[in-house]
Protein backbone atom coordinates (compact mmCIF):
# COMPACT_ATOMS: atom_id res chain seq x y z
CA MET A 1 0.00 0.00 0.00
CA GLU A 2 1.36 3.39 -0.98
CA ILE A 3 1.79 6.06 1.70
CA GLN A 4 -0.69 8.92 1.47
CA GLU A 5 0.39 12.30 2.81
CA ILE A 6 -1.04 15.79 3.12
CA GLU A 7 1.66 18.43 3.43
CA VAL A 8 0.52 21.80 4.82
CA GLN A 9 2.76 24.84 4.76
CA ILE A 10 1.80 28.18 6.32
CA LEU A 11 3.75 30.98 4.70
CA PRO A 12 4.92 34.16 6.49
CA ASP A 13 2.21 36.18 4.70
CA GLY A 14 -0.49 33.88 6.12
CA LYS A 15 -1.21 32.00 2.91
CA VAL A 16 -1.55 28.24 3.23
CA GLU A 17 -0.20 25.74 0.70
CA VAL A 18 -1.51 22.18 0.72
CA ARG A 19 0.13 19.36 -1.24
CA VAL A 20 -1.22 15.83 -1.48
CA HIS A 21 1.12 12.91 -2.18
CA GLY A 22 0.24 9.30 -2.91
CA VAL A 23 -3.42 9.88 -3.78
CA LYS A 24 -4.69 9.42 -7.32
CA GLY A 25 -7.57 11.02 -9.18
CA GLN A 26 -10.48 12.88 -7.63
CA ALA A 27 -9.70 11.34 -4.23
CA CYS A 28 -7.12 14.06 -3.52
CA LEU A 29 -9.80 16.76 -3.79
CA ASP A 30 -12.16 14.74 -1.62
CA LEU A 31 -9.40 14.30 0.95
CA THR A 32 -8.72 18.04 1.30
CA ALA A 33 -12.28 19.38 0.93
CA GLU A 34 -12.98 19.61 4.68
CA MET A 35 -9.58 21.20 5.34
CA GLU A 36 -10.21 23.84 2.67
CA LYS A 37 -13.64 24.52 4.15
CA ALA A 38 -12.23 24.83 7.68
CA LEU A 39 -9.55 27.27 6.54
CA GLY A 40 -12.35 29.41 5.11
CA GLY A 41 -10.23 31.30 2.64
CA THR A 42 -10.35 31.67 -1.11
CA ILE A 43 -8.40 29.22 -3.23
CA LEU A 44 -6.01 31.35 -5.25
CA LEU A 45 -4.45 28.57 -7.30
CA ARG A 46 -5.04 24.84 -7.69
CA GLU A 47 -2.41 22.85 -9.58
CA MET A 48 -3.04 19.20 -10.36
CA THR A 49 -0.08 16.83 -10.34
CA ALA A 50 0.45 13.87 -12.65
CA GLU A 51 -1.01 11.66 -9.89
CA PHE A 52 -4.37 13.41 -10.36
CA GLN A 53 -4.51 12.11 -13.93
CA GLU A 54 -3.90 8.51 -12.86
CA PRO A 55 -6.84 6.20 -12.17
CA PRO A 56 -7.39 5.38 -8.49
CA THR A 57 -5.96 2.08 -7.36
CA ALA A 58 -8.32 -0.64 -6.22
CA ILE A 59 -8.43 -1.23 -2.49
CA ASP A 60 -7.23 -4.65 -1.46
CA GLN A 61 -9.73 -5.86 1.13
CA SER A 62 -6.91 -7.46 3.12
CA ASP A 63 -5.50 -3.96 3.70
CA THR A 64 -8.68 -2.57 5.25
CA LEU A 65 -9.25 -2.25 8.97
CA SER A 66 -12.60 -2.61 10.69
CA LEU A 67 -13.18 -1.12 14.12
CA SER A 68 -16.06 -1.89 16.40
CA GLN A 69 -17.21 0.23 19.31
């Protein structure tokens, strides 16, 4: 399973840069949607990486984790 990361950098001028690594396709936007909403600002620039163009990988059921409460 590939490592998925969200890198957040807060610049001296208060702008926030978010980079997603290891996530393919639309999933990267889904992953950051709540963070963008919580930050409440305007998105000035959105650049898609080559990973965005790749189809999402299938989830191997043996790699999933179920939790019960």
